[in-house]
Amino acid sequence: MNFWGQKDQVTGAVVCIPGLMVFSFFIHYPWPLRLISFAVLLPVTFMISRDLASWADLKKVTGAFRYDRNFLLFMLAGIGYGIFLALFYRWYLETGFFPQTLRWFAVTAALIGSMEELVFRGYVQGQLARRTGLFSVVIGSLSHTGYKCCLFLSPALAPSVDIGFLAICTLLAGVLLGAIRHFSGSVWPAVVAHALFDILVYGENVNPPWWVW
């Protein structure tokens, strides 16, 4: 098979997983250690941009935004799941079920969640699904969980985080999001779910949370 063909695209997705973990681990360090994050991000960005060189490549990864009944049901499932996860997390934080107001950071929060889904459920899971099928759901969820844990485990961050709780919740939530992405054939229900979660959890913040780099 051609070196730049499908096989190499799958390899590119696999290589991106540890690269994104290294990026998240070092991004909060002061200079010059922070340079490690950007040094690793360069080849990751190159691989993703190479594999998504055309509109057809992008559609293979993101899936279609359709207007049929089945897709609408998956979108409604994504909306409901995102709200459920937000209510659960706000209950865990003891902050009340719904935000009292939404500030401009809600837009940034939605973009952060959307980009994570496009990278992990879209690119990583989408590329691996060509070879691993349903198992790509697990790989995509594990890679996203690793990314999150490396972000919060960084010694450069002072606040303490229950990594066990974070890992379990991220993995379990991610598996269901990945399943929705797999069976719907589209990343957009997962994007909507994650965006809604971040809006409802962080949208009332005046300033970004301490972990936002």
N, C-alpha and C. Protein backbone atom coordinates (compact mmCIF):
# COMPACT_ATOMS: atom_id res chain seq x y z
N MET A 1 0.85 -1.20 0.00
CA MET A 1 0.00 0.00 0.00
C MET A 1 0.88 1.24 0.00
N ASN A 2 0.42 2.28 -0.64
CA ASN A 2 1.17 3.52 -0.72
C ASN A 2 1.48 4.06 0.67
N PHE A 3 2.71 4.57 0.85
CA PHE A 3 3.15 5.06 2.16
C PHE A 3 2.23 6.16 2.69
N TRP A 4 1.68 6.97 1.78
CA TRP A 4 0.81 8.07 2.19
C TRP A 4 -0.66 7.68 2.14
N GLY A 5 -0.94 6.38 2.05
CA GLY A 5 -2.31 5.93 1.90
C GLY A 5 -3.01 5.72 3.22
N GLN A 6 -4.03 4.86 3.17
CA GLN A 6 -4.89 4.65 4.34
C GLN A 6 -4.12 4.11 5.53
N LYS A 7 -3.19 3.18 5.29
CA LYS A 7 -2.44 2.59 6.38
C LYS A 7 -1.67 3.65 7.15
N ASP A 8 -1.04 4.59 6.41
CA ASP A 8 -0.27 5.62 7.07
C ASP A 8 -1.16 6.60 7.82
N GLN A 9 -2.37 6.84 7.32
CA GLN A 9 -3.30 7.72 8.02
C GLN A 9 -3.67 7.14 9.38
N VAL A 10 -3.87 5.82 9.43
CA VAL A 10 -4.17 5.18 10.71
C VAL A 10 -2.97 5.30 11.64
N THR A 11 -1.77 5.10 11.10
CA THR A 11 -0.55 5.24 11.89
C THR A 11 -0.43 6.66 12.43
N GLY A 12 -0.76 7.63 11.60
CA GLY A 12 -0.71 9.02 12.04
C GLY A 12 -1.61 9.28 13.23
N ALA A 13 -2.81 8.69 13.23
CA ALA A 13 -3.74 8.87 14.35
C ALA A 13 -3.18 8.25 15.62
N VAL A 14 -2.55 7.09 15.50
CA VAL A 14 -1.96 6.42 16.67
C VAL A 14 -0.81 7.24 17.23
N VAL A 15 0.02 7.77 16.36
CA VAL A 15 1.17 8.57 16.80
C VAL A 15 0.71 9.85 17.49
N CYS A 16 -0.42 10.38 17.07
CA CYS A 16 -0.92 11.63 17.66
C CYS A 16 -1.32 11.47 19.12
N ILE A 17 -1.72 10.26 19.51
CA ILE A 17 -2.23 10.05 20.86
C ILE A 17 -1.18 10.39 21.93
N PRO A 18 0.02 9.76 21.91
CA PRO A 18 1.03 10.15 22.92
C PRO A 18 1.50 11.58 22.74
N GLY A 19 1.52 12.07 21.50
CA GLY A 19 1.93 13.45 21.28
C GLY A 19 1.02 14.44 21.98
N LEU A 20 -0.28 14.21 21.92
CA LEU A 20 -1.24 15.10 22.58
C LEU A 20 -1.14 14.99 24.10
N MET A 21 -0.78 13.81 24.61
CA MET A 21 -0.60 13.65 26.06
C MET A 21 0.62 14.44 26.53
N VAL A 22 1.70 14.35 25.78
CA VAL A 22 2.90 15.12 26.14
C VAL A 22 2.60 16.61 26.08
N PHE A 23 1.86 17.02 25.07
CA PHE A 23 1.48 18.43 24.95
C PHE A 23 0.72 18.91 26.18
N SER A 24 -0.30 18.13 26.60
CA SER A 24 -1.12 18.56 27.74
C SER A 24 -0.34 18.54 29.05
N PHE A 25 0.65 17.64 29.16
CA PHE A 25 1.42 17.55 30.40
C PHE A 25 2.33 18.76 30.59
N PHE A 26 2.93 19.26 29.51
CA PHE A 26 3.93 20.32 29.62
C PHE A 26 3.39 21.72 29.34
N ILE A 27 2.13 21.84 28.92
CA ILE A 27 1.64 23.14 28.46
C ILE A 27 1.57 24.17 29.58
N HIS A 28 1.43 23.73 30.83
CA HIS A 28 1.34 24.68 31.94
C HIS A 28 2.69 24.98 32.60
N TYR A 29 3.73 24.34 32.13
CA TYR A 29 5.05 24.63 32.68
C TYR A 29 5.52 26.01 32.21
N PRO A 30 6.35 26.67 33.01
CA PRO A 30 6.94 27.94 32.55
C PRO A 30 7.96 27.68 31.45
N TRP A 31 8.29 28.74 30.73
CA TRP A 31 9.35 28.63 29.73
C TRP A 31 10.68 28.34 30.43
N PRO A 32 11.59 27.55 29.85
CA PRO A 32 11.54 27.01 28.48
C PRO A 32 10.91 25.63 28.39
N LEU A 33 10.48 25.01 29.53
CA LEU A 33 9.91 23.67 29.46
C LEU A 33 8.64 23.64 28.61
N ARG A 34 7.93 24.75 28.58
CA ARG A 34 6.71 24.79 27.78
C ARG A 34 7.00 24.57 26.30
N LEU A 35 8.21 24.85 25.89
CA LEU A 35 8.57 24.63 24.49
C LEU A 35 8.39 23.17 24.08
N ILE A 36 8.50 22.25 25.05
CA ILE A 36 8.30 20.83 24.74
C ILE A 36 6.90 20.61 24.18
N SER A 37 5.91 21.28 24.77
CA SER A 37 4.53 21.14 24.30
C SER A 37 4.41 21.55 22.84
N PHE A 38 4.96 22.71 22.52
CA PHE A 38 4.82 23.21 21.15
C PHE A 38 5.68 22.42 20.17
N ALA A 39 6.81 21.91 20.66
CA ALA A 39 7.66 21.09 19.79
C ALA A 39 6.94 19.79 19.41
N VAL A 40 6.20 19.22 20.36
CA VAL A 40 5.45 17.99 20.09
C VAL A 40 4.21 18.30 19.26
N LEU A 41 3.61 19.46 19.48
CA LEU A 41 2.39 19.81 18.77
C LEU A 41 2.62 19.99 17.27
N LEU A 42 3.81 20.39 16.89
CA LEU A 42 4.11 20.61 15.46
C LEU A 42 3.93 19.34 14.64
N PRO A 43 4.56 18.21 14.99
CA PRO A 43 4.33 17.00 14.19
C PRO A 43 2.89 16.48 14.27
N VAL A 44 2.24 16.67 15.44
CA VAL A 44 0.84 16.26 15.57
C VAL A 44 -0.03 17.05 14.60
N THR A 45 0.19 18.37 14.56
CA THR A 45 -0.56 19.23 13.65
C THR A 45 -0.29 18.84 12.20
N PHE A 46 0.98 18.53 11.90
CA PHE A 46 1.34 18.13 10.54
C PHE A 46 0.59 16.87 10.12
N MET A 47 0.56 15.87 11.01
CA MET A 47 -0.10 14.61 10.68
C MET A 47 -1.60 14.80 10.45
N ILE A 48 -2.23 15.58 11.32
CA ILE A 48 -3.67 15.81 11.18
C ILE A 48 -3.96 16.56 9.89
N SER A 49 -3.20 17.62 9.62
CA SER A 49 -3.43 18.42 8.40
C SER A 49 -3.14 17.60 7.15
N ARG A 50 -2.15 16.71 7.22
CA ARG A 50 -1.82 15.85 6.07
C ARG A 50 -2.95 14.88 5.78
N ASP A 51 -3.53 14.30 6.84
CA ASP A 51 -4.58 13.32 6.67
C ASP A 51 -5.91 13.95 6.30
N LEU A 52 -6.06 15.25 6.57
CA LEU A 52 -7.30 15.96 6.23
C LEU A 52 -7.02 16.99 5.16
N ALA A 53 -6.37 16.54 4.10
CA ALA A 53 -5.91 17.46 3.06
C ALA A 53 -7.03 17.91 2.13
N SER A 54 -8.16 17.24 2.14
CA SER A 54 -9.25 17.60 1.23
C SER A 54 -10.57 17.60 1.98
N TRP A 55 -11.59 18.17 1.35
CA TRP A 55 -12.92 18.20 1.93
C TRP A 55 -13.46 16.78 2.12
N ALA A 56 -13.13 15.89 1.17
CA ALA A 56 -13.57 14.50 1.28
C ALA A 56 -12.95 13.82 2.50
N ASP A 57 -11.66 14.10 2.76
CA ASP A 57 -11.00 13.54 3.94
C ASP A 57 -11.67 14.03 5.21
N LEU A 58 -11.99 15.31 5.25
CA LEU A 58 -12.63 15.90 6.43
C LEU A 58 -14.00 15.26 6.67
N LYS A 59 -14.76 15.04 5.63
CA LYS A 59 -16.09 14.45 5.78
C LYS A 59 -16.01 13.01 6.26
N LYS A 60 -14.93 12.29 5.85
CA LYS A 60 -14.77 10.91 6.33
C LYS A 60 -14.55 10.88 7.83
N VAL A 61 -13.86 11.90 8.35
CA VAL A 61 -13.56 11.95 9.77
C VAL A 61 -14.74 12.47 10.59
N THR A 62 -15.37 13.54 10.12
CA THR A 62 -16.45 14.15 10.89
C THR A 62 -17.79 13.47 10.66
N GLY A 63 -17.97 12.87 9.50
CA GLY A 63 -19.27 12.31 9.16
C GLY A 63 -20.19 13.40 8.66
N ALA A 64 -21.29 12.99 8.11
CA ALA A 64 -22.23 13.95 7.50
C ALA A 64 -23.13 14.57 8.55
N PHE A 65 -23.59 15.78 8.25
CA PHE A 65 -24.63 16.42 9.05
C PHE A 65 -25.93 16.23 8.27
N ARG A 66 -26.67 15.18 8.62
CA ARG A 66 -27.82 14.79 7.81
C ARG A 66 -29.11 15.38 8.38
N TYR A 67 -30.17 15.21 7.62
CA TYR A 67 -31.46 15.73 8.03
C TYR A 67 -32.53 14.63 8.05
N ASP A 68 -32.08 13.37 8.25
CA ASP A 68 -33.05 12.29 8.34
C ASP A 68 -33.43 12.04 9.79
N ARG A 69 -34.42 11.17 9.97
CA ARG A 69 -34.97 10.93 11.31
C ARG A 69 -33.95 10.30 12.25
N ASN A 70 -33.19 9.33 11.75
CA ASN A 70 -32.22 8.66 12.62
C ASN A 70 -31.16 9.62 13.14
N PHE A 71 -30.67 10.48 12.25
CA PHE A 71 -29.64 11.44 12.68
C PHE A 71 -30.22 12.41 13.70
N LEU A 72 -31.45 12.83 13.50
CA LEU A 72 -32.10 13.72 14.46
C LEU A 72 -32.19 13.07 15.84
N LEU A 73 -32.49 11.77 15.88
CA LEU A 73 -32.56 11.07 17.16
C LEU A 73 -31.20 11.04 17.84
N PHE A 74 -30.13 10.82 17.06
CA PHE A 74 -28.79 10.84 17.64
C PHE A 74 -28.43 12.23 18.16
N MET A 75 -28.84 13.26 17.45
CA MET A 75 -28.58 14.63 17.91
C MET A 75 -29.32 14.91 19.22
N LEU A 76 -30.57 14.45 19.30
CA LEU A 76 -31.33 14.62 20.54
C LEU A 76 -30.68 13.84 21.68
N ALA A 77 -30.16 12.65 21.36
CA ALA A 77 -29.46 11.87 22.38
C ALA A 77 -28.22 12.60 22.86
N GLY A 78 -27.49 13.22 21.93
CA GLY A 78 -26.31 14.00 22.30
C GLY A 78 -26.67 15.18 23.19
N ILE A 79 -27.74 15.87 22.85
CA ILE A 79 -28.18 17.01 23.66
C ILE A 79 -28.55 16.55 25.07
N GLY A 80 -29.36 15.49 25.15
CA GLY A 80 -29.76 14.98 26.45
C GLY A 80 -28.59 14.48 27.28
N TYR A 81 -27.65 13.82 26.62
CA TYR A 81 -26.48 13.28 27.33
C TYR A 81 -25.59 14.40 27.84
N GLY A 82 -25.39 15.44 27.04
CA GLY A 82 -24.58 16.56 27.48
C GLY A 82 -25.18 17.26 28.69
N ILE A 83 -26.50 17.43 28.68
CA ILE A 83 -27.18 18.06 29.82
C ILE A 83 -27.08 17.17 31.06
N PHE A 84 -27.30 15.87 30.88
CA PHE A 84 -27.21 14.93 32.01
C PHE A 84 -25.82 14.97 32.64
N LEU A 85 -24.77 14.92 31.83
CA LEU A 85 -23.41 14.95 32.36
C LEU A 85 -23.13 16.25 33.10
N ALA A 86 -23.64 17.36 32.57
CA ALA A 86 -23.43 18.65 33.24
C ALA A 86 -24.13 18.70 34.58
N LEU A 87 -25.37 18.20 34.64
CA LEU A 87 -26.11 18.18 35.91
C LEU A 87 -25.41 17.30 36.93
N PHE A 88 -24.90 16.15 36.47
CA PHE A 88 -24.19 15.26 37.38
C PHE A 88 -22.92 15.92 37.92
N TYR A 89 -22.17 16.57 37.05
CA TYR A 89 -20.90 17.17 37.48
C TYR A 89 -21.15 18.37 38.40
N ARG A 90 -22.18 19.16 38.10
CA ARG A 90 -22.50 20.29 38.97
C ARG A 90 -22.98 19.79 40.34
N TRP A 91 -23.70 18.68 40.35
CA TRP A 91 -24.10 18.07 41.63
C TRP A 91 -22.86 17.63 42.39
N TYR A 92 -21.90 17.04 41.70
CA TYR A 92 -20.66 16.59 42.34
C TYR A 92 -19.89 17.78 42.91
N LEU A 93 -19.90 18.90 42.19
CA LEU A 93 -19.20 20.10 42.66
C LEU A 93 -20.01 20.89 43.68
N GLU A 94 -21.28 20.52 43.87
CA GLU A 94 -22.18 21.20 44.81
C GLU A 94 -22.32 22.68 44.44
N THR A 95 -22.56 22.94 43.17
CA THR A 95 -22.71 24.31 42.70
C THR A 95 -24.13 24.63 42.25
N GLY A 96 -25.07 23.73 42.46
CA GLY A 96 -26.42 23.94 41.95
C GLY A 96 -26.52 23.33 40.56
N PHE A 97 -27.71 22.89 40.18
CA PHE A 97 -27.86 22.14 38.95
C PHE A 97 -27.65 22.98 37.69
N PHE A 98 -28.09 24.24 37.70
CA PHE A 98 -27.98 25.06 36.50
C PHE A 98 -27.23 26.36 36.82
N PRO A 99 -26.47 26.87 35.86
CA PRO A 99 -25.78 28.16 36.09
C PRO A 99 -26.79 29.29 36.24
N GLN A 100 -26.46 30.24 37.11
CA GLN A 100 -27.36 31.36 37.33
C GLN A 100 -27.36 32.33 36.16
N THR A 101 -26.28 32.36 35.43
CA THR A 101 -26.17 33.22 34.25
C THR A 101 -25.13 32.64 33.32
N LEU A 102 -25.11 33.10 32.09
CA LEU A 102 -24.10 32.70 31.12
C LEU A 102 -23.32 33.94 30.69
N ARG A 103 -22.01 33.84 30.76
CA ARG A 103 -21.15 34.95 30.38
C ARG A 103 -20.45 34.63 29.07
N TRP A 104 -19.62 35.58 28.63
CA TRP A 104 -18.98 35.41 27.32
C TRP A 104 -18.06 34.21 27.28
N PHE A 105 -17.56 33.76 28.44
CA PHE A 105 -16.69 32.60 28.43
C PHE A 105 -17.43 31.34 27.97
N ALA A 106 -18.77 31.37 28.01
CA ALA A 106 -19.55 30.22 27.54
C ALA A 106 -19.21 29.88 26.10
N VAL A 107 -18.94 30.89 25.28
CA VAL A 107 -18.57 30.66 23.88
C VAL A 107 -17.24 29.92 23.80
N THR A 108 -16.25 30.39 24.59
CA THR A 108 -14.94 29.74 24.61
C THR A 108 -15.06 28.32 25.15
N ALA A 109 -15.88 28.12 26.16
CA ALA A 109 -16.08 26.79 26.74
C ALA A 109 -16.64 25.83 25.70
N ALA A 110 -17.62 26.30 24.93
CA ALA A 110 -18.20 25.46 23.88
C ALA A 110 -17.17 25.10 22.82
N LEU A 111 -16.32 26.05 22.48
CA LEU A 111 -15.29 25.80 21.47
C LEU A 111 -14.25 24.80 21.96
N ILE A 112 -13.90 24.89 23.26
CA ILE A 112 -12.93 23.94 23.82
C ILE A 112 -13.47 22.51 23.74
N GLY A 113 -14.71 22.32 24.20
CA GLY A 113 -15.31 20.99 24.14
C GLY A 113 -15.47 20.49 22.72
N SER A 114 -15.86 21.36 21.82
CA SER A 114 -16.04 20.97 20.42
C SER A 114 -14.74 20.53 19.78
N MET A 115 -13.65 21.26 20.06
CA MET A 115 -12.36 20.90 19.48
C MET A 115 -11.86 19.56 20.02
N GLU A 116 -12.08 19.29 21.30
CA GLU A 116 -11.68 17.99 21.85
C GLU A 116 -12.41 16.85 21.14
N GLU A 117 -13.70 17.04 20.89
CA GLU A 117 -14.45 16.00 20.19
C GLU A 117 -13.99 15.84 18.75
N LEU A 118 -13.72 16.93 18.08
CA LEU A 118 -13.26 16.85 16.69
C LEU A 118 -11.92 16.13 16.59
N VAL A 119 -11.07 16.33 17.60
CA VAL A 119 -9.75 15.68 17.57
C VAL A 119 -9.86 14.21 17.97
N PHE A 120 -10.49 13.92 19.12
CA PHE A 120 -10.46 12.55 19.64
C PHE A 120 -11.58 11.67 19.08
N ARG A 121 -12.82 12.14 19.08
CA ARG A 121 -13.90 11.33 18.52
C ARG A 121 -13.96 11.47 17.00
N GLY A 122 -13.50 12.61 16.50
CA GLY A 122 -13.52 12.81 15.06
C GLY A 122 -12.31 12.22 14.39
N TYR A 123 -11.14 12.82 14.62
CA TYR A 123 -9.92 12.39 13.92
C TYR A 123 -9.41 11.03 14.40
N VAL A 124 -9.11 10.92 15.70
CA VAL A 124 -8.50 9.68 16.21
C VAL A 124 -9.44 8.49 16.03
N GLN A 125 -10.65 8.59 16.56
CA GLN A 125 -11.59 7.46 16.44
C GLN A 125 -11.98 7.24 14.99
N GLY A 126 -12.21 8.31 14.25
CA GLY A 126 -12.63 8.19 12.87
C GLY A 126 -11.60 7.49 12.00
N GLN A 127 -10.33 7.82 12.20
CA GLN A 127 -9.27 7.18 11.43
C GLN A 127 -9.09 5.72 11.83
N LEU A 128 -9.12 5.45 13.13
CA LEU A 128 -8.90 4.09 13.60
C LEU A 128 -10.08 3.17 13.28
N ALA A 129 -11.27 3.73 13.14
CA ALA A 129 -12.45 2.91 12.83
C ALA A 129 -12.29 2.18 11.51
N ARG A 130 -11.46 2.71 10.61
CA ARG A 130 -11.25 2.05 9.32
C ARG A 130 -10.58 0.70 9.48
N ARG A 131 -9.80 0.53 10.55
CA ARG A 131 -9.09 -0.72 10.78
C ARG A 131 -9.62 -1.51 11.97
N THR A 132 -10.08 -0.83 13.00
CA THR A 132 -10.43 -1.52 14.24
C THR A 132 -11.93 -1.59 14.49
N GLY A 133 -12.74 -0.94 13.66
CA GLY A 133 -14.18 -0.99 13.82
C GLY A 133 -14.65 -0.41 15.14
N LEU A 134 -15.50 -1.18 15.84
CA LEU A 134 -16.08 -0.70 17.09
C LEU A 134 -15.04 -0.49 18.17
N PHE A 135 -13.91 -1.20 18.10
CA PHE A 135 -12.86 -1.05 19.11
C PHE A 135 -12.27 0.36 19.09
N SER A 136 -12.46 1.08 18.00
CA SER A 136 -11.98 2.47 17.93
C SER A 136 -12.66 3.35 18.97
N VAL A 137 -13.85 2.96 19.40
CA VAL A 137 -14.55 3.70 20.47
C VAL A 137 -13.73 3.68 21.75
N VAL A 138 -13.20 2.50 22.08
CA VAL A 138 -12.39 2.35 23.30
C VAL A 138 -11.07 3.11 23.17
N ILE A 139 -10.43 2.98 22.01
CA ILE A 139 -9.14 3.65 21.82
C ILE A 139 -9.31 5.16 21.88
N GLY A 140 -10.34 5.67 21.22
CA GLY A 140 -10.59 7.11 21.24
C GLY A 140 -10.88 7.61 22.64
N SER A 141 -11.64 6.84 23.41
CA SER A 141 -11.97 7.24 24.78
C SER A 141 -10.76 7.18 25.69
N LEU A 142 -9.93 6.14 25.54
CA LEU A 142 -8.71 6.04 26.33
C LEU A 142 -7.74 7.17 26.02
N SER A 143 -7.63 7.52 24.75
CA SER A 143 -6.72 8.61 24.37
C SER A 143 -7.19 9.94 24.93
N HIS A 144 -8.50 10.20 24.90
CA HIS A 144 -9.03 11.44 25.46
C HIS A 144 -8.85 11.46 26.98
N THR A 145 -9.06 10.31 27.62
CA THR A 145 -8.86 10.23 29.07
C THR A 145 -7.40 10.47 29.43
N GLY A 146 -6.48 9.90 28.66
CA GLY A 146 -5.06 10.13 28.90
C GLY A 146 -4.68 11.59 28.74
N TYR A 147 -5.24 12.22 27.74
CA TYR A 147 -5.00 13.65 27.51
C TYR A 147 -5.45 14.47 28.72
N LYS A 148 -6.66 14.20 29.20
CA LYS A 148 -7.21 14.94 30.34
C LYS A 148 -6.38 14.70 31.61
N CYS A 149 -6.02 13.45 31.86
CA CYS A 149 -5.27 13.13 33.07
C CYS A 149 -3.88 13.78 33.03
N CYS A 150 -3.23 13.76 31.89
CA CYS A 150 -1.92 14.40 31.78
C CYS A 150 -2.03 15.91 32.01
N LEU A 151 -3.13 16.50 31.57
CA LEU A 151 -3.34 17.93 31.78
C LEU A 151 -3.43 18.27 33.25
N PHE A 152 -4.16 17.45 34.02
CA PHE A 152 -4.37 17.73 35.44
C PHE A 152 -3.30 17.16 36.34
N LEU A 153 -2.53 16.20 35.83
CA LEU A 153 -1.44 15.62 36.62
C LEU A 153 -0.18 16.45 36.60
N SER A 154 -0.09 17.41 35.72
CA SER A 154 1.12 18.20 35.56
C SER A 154 1.54 18.83 36.88
N PRO A 155 2.78 18.61 37.33
CA PRO A 155 3.27 19.25 38.56
C PRO A 155 3.29 20.77 38.48
N ALA A 156 3.17 21.31 37.27
CA ALA A 156 3.17 22.76 37.12
C ALA A 156 1.88 23.39 37.64
N LEU A 157 0.84 22.58 37.88
CA LEU A 157 -0.43 23.08 38.36
C LEU A 157 -0.54 22.84 39.86
N ALA A 158 -0.89 23.88 40.59
CA ALA A 158 -0.95 23.79 42.04
C ALA A 158 -2.20 23.08 42.55
N PRO A 159 -3.42 23.35 42.01
CA PRO A 159 -4.63 22.74 42.58
C PRO A 159 -4.59 21.22 42.49
N SER A 160 -5.12 20.58 43.51
CA SER A 160 -5.17 19.12 43.53
C SER A 160 -6.47 18.66 42.86
N VAL A 161 -6.40 17.53 42.16
CA VAL A 161 -7.54 16.99 41.44
C VAL A 161 -7.65 15.50 41.75
N ASP A 162 -8.86 15.02 41.92
CA ASP A 162 -9.08 13.60 42.11
C ASP A 162 -8.93 12.92 40.76
N ILE A 163 -7.71 12.47 40.45
CA ILE A 163 -7.41 11.91 39.15
C ILE A 163 -8.22 10.64 38.89
N GLY A 164 -8.42 9.83 39.93
CA GLY A 164 -9.19 8.60 39.76
C GLY A 164 -10.60 8.89 39.30
N PHE A 165 -11.26 9.85 39.97
CA PHE A 165 -12.62 10.24 39.59
C PHE A 165 -12.64 10.81 38.18
N LEU A 166 -11.66 11.67 37.89
CA LEU A 166 -11.57 12.29 36.56
C LEU A 166 -11.41 11.23 35.48
N ALA A 167 -10.51 10.27 35.71
CA ALA A 167 -10.23 9.25 34.71
C ALA A 167 -11.45 8.36 34.46
N ILE A 168 -12.10 7.92 35.53
CA ILE A 168 -13.25 7.02 35.38
C ILE A 168 -14.40 7.73 34.67
N CYS A 169 -14.71 8.95 35.11
CA CYS A 169 -15.82 9.68 34.51
C CYS A 169 -15.55 10.04 33.06
N THR A 170 -14.31 10.47 32.78
CA THR A 170 -13.97 10.82 31.40
C THR A 170 -14.04 9.60 30.49
N LEU A 171 -13.55 8.47 30.99
CA LEU A 171 -13.55 7.25 30.19
C LEU A 171 -14.98 6.75 29.94
N LEU A 172 -15.78 6.68 30.99
CA LEU A 172 -17.15 6.19 30.83
C LEU A 172 -17.98 7.11 29.95
N ALA A 173 -17.86 8.41 30.20
CA ALA A 173 -18.60 9.37 29.37
C ALA A 173 -18.12 9.30 27.93
N GLY A 174 -16.81 9.12 27.74
CA GLY A 174 -16.24 9.08 26.41
C GLY A 174 -16.65 7.84 25.63
N VAL A 175 -16.79 6.72 26.31
CA VAL A 175 -17.22 5.49 25.63
C VAL A 175 -18.61 5.66 25.03
N LEU A 176 -19.51 6.27 25.79
CA LEU A 176 -20.86 6.47 25.27
C LEU A 176 -20.86 7.51 24.15
N LEU A 177 -20.07 8.57 24.31
CA LEU A 177 -19.96 9.55 23.23
C LEU A 177 -19.37 8.89 21.97
N GLY A 178 -18.38 8.03 22.18
CA GLY A 178 -17.79 7.32 21.05
C GLY A 178 -18.77 6.38 20.39
N ALA A 179 -19.60 5.72 21.19
CA ALA A 179 -20.62 4.83 20.63
C ALA A 179 -21.63 5.62 19.80
N ILE A 180 -22.04 6.78 20.32
CA ILE A 180 -22.95 7.63 19.56
C ILE A 180 -22.31 8.06 18.25
N ARG A 181 -21.02 8.42 18.32
CA ARG A 181 -20.30 8.81 17.11
C ARG A 181 -20.22 7.65 16.11
N HIS A 182 -19.98 6.44 16.63
CA HIS A 182 -19.81 5.26 15.77
C HIS A 182 -21.11 4.88 15.07
N PHE A 183 -22.18 4.78 15.84
CA PHE A 183 -23.44 4.28 15.28
C PHE A 183 -24.20 5.35 14.49
N SER A 184 -23.96 6.62 14.80
CA SER A 184 -24.58 7.68 14.03
C SER A 184 -23.83 7.95 12.73
N GLY A 185 -22.54 7.54 12.70
CA GLY A 185 -21.71 7.83 11.53
C GLY A 185 -21.29 9.27 11.46
N SER A 186 -21.42 9.99 12.57
CA SER A 186 -21.11 11.42 12.57
C SER A 186 -20.57 11.84 13.93
N VAL A 187 -19.64 12.79 13.93
CA VAL A 187 -19.09 13.30 15.17
C VAL A 187 -19.96 14.39 15.78
N TRP A 188 -20.92 14.92 15.02
CA TRP A 188 -21.64 16.12 15.48
C TRP A 188 -22.52 15.91 16.70
N PRO A 189 -23.18 14.77 16.91
CA PRO A 189 -23.89 14.59 18.18
C PRO A 189 -22.96 14.64 19.39
N ALA A 190 -21.75 14.08 19.26
CA ALA A 190 -20.78 14.15 20.36
C ALA A 190 -20.29 15.57 20.57
N VAL A 191 -20.10 16.31 19.49
CA VAL A 191 -19.68 17.71 19.59
C VAL A 191 -20.72 18.53 20.34
N VAL A 192 -21.99 18.34 19.99
CA VAL A 192 -23.07 19.07 20.67
C VAL A 192 -23.12 18.70 22.14
N ALA A 193 -22.97 17.41 22.46
CA ALA A 193 -23.01 16.97 23.86
C ALA A 193 -21.89 17.62 24.67
N HIS A 194 -20.67 17.60 24.15
CA HIS A 194 -19.53 18.16 24.89
C HIS A 194 -19.64 19.67 25.00
N ALA A 195 -20.08 20.32 23.94
CA ALA A 195 -20.24 21.78 23.99
C ALA A 195 -21.27 22.19 25.03
N LEU A 196 -22.38 21.48 25.07
CA LEU A 196 -23.42 21.77 26.07
C LEU A 196 -22.90 21.54 27.49
N PHE A 197 -22.16 20.46 27.67
CA PHE A 197 -21.57 20.18 28.99
C PHE A 197 -20.70 21.34 29.45
N ASP A 198 -19.80 21.79 28.59
CA ASP A 198 -18.88 22.85 28.99
C ASP A 198 -19.60 24.18 29.19
N ILE A 199 -20.63 24.45 28.41
CA ILE A 199 -21.41 25.68 28.60
C ILE A 199 -22.09 25.68 29.96
N LEU A 200 -22.74 24.57 30.30
CA LEU A 200 -23.50 24.50 31.54
C LEU A 200 -22.60 24.43 32.77
N VAL A 201 -21.40 23.86 32.63
CA VAL A 201 -20.49 23.74 33.77
C VAL A 201 -19.65 25.00 33.96
N TYR A 202 -19.16 25.59 32.86
CA TYR A 202 -18.20 26.70 32.95
C TYR A 202 -18.74 28.02 32.40
N GLY A 203 -19.94 28.01 31.85
CA GLY A 203 -20.44 29.20 31.16
C GLY A 203 -20.69 30.41 32.03
N GLU A 204 -20.84 30.20 33.34
CA GLU A 204 -21.08 31.34 34.23
C GLU A 204 -19.78 31.94 34.76
N ASN A 205 -18.63 31.35 34.38
CA ASN A 205 -17.34 31.86 34.84
C ASN A 205 -17.03 33.21 34.21
N VAL A 206 -16.54 34.12 35.03
CA VAL A 206 -16.05 35.39 34.50
C VAL A 206 -14.69 35.19 33.84
N ASN A 207 -13.85 34.40 34.50
CA ASN A 207 -12.52 34.08 33.97
C ASN A 207 -12.45 32.59 33.64
N PRO A 208 -11.54 32.20 32.77
CA PRO A 208 -11.39 30.77 32.43
C PRO A 208 -11.00 29.98 33.67
N PRO A 209 -11.34 28.69 33.74
CA PRO A 209 -10.89 27.84 34.83
C PRO A 209 -9.36 27.80 34.88
N TRP A 210 -8.81 27.42 36.02
CA TRP A 210 -7.36 27.48 36.20
C TRP A 210 -6.60 26.57 35.26
N TRP A 211 -7.27 25.53 34.71
CA TRP A 211 -6.55 24.58 33.87
C TRP A 211 -6.49 24.99 32.41
N VAL A 212 -7.23 26.04 32.04
CA VAL A 212 -7.20 26.48 30.63
C VAL A 212 -5.88 27.16 30.33
N TRP A 213 -5.19 26.68 29.34
CA TRP A 213 -3.86 27.21 29.04
C TRP A 213 -3.96 28.36 28.05
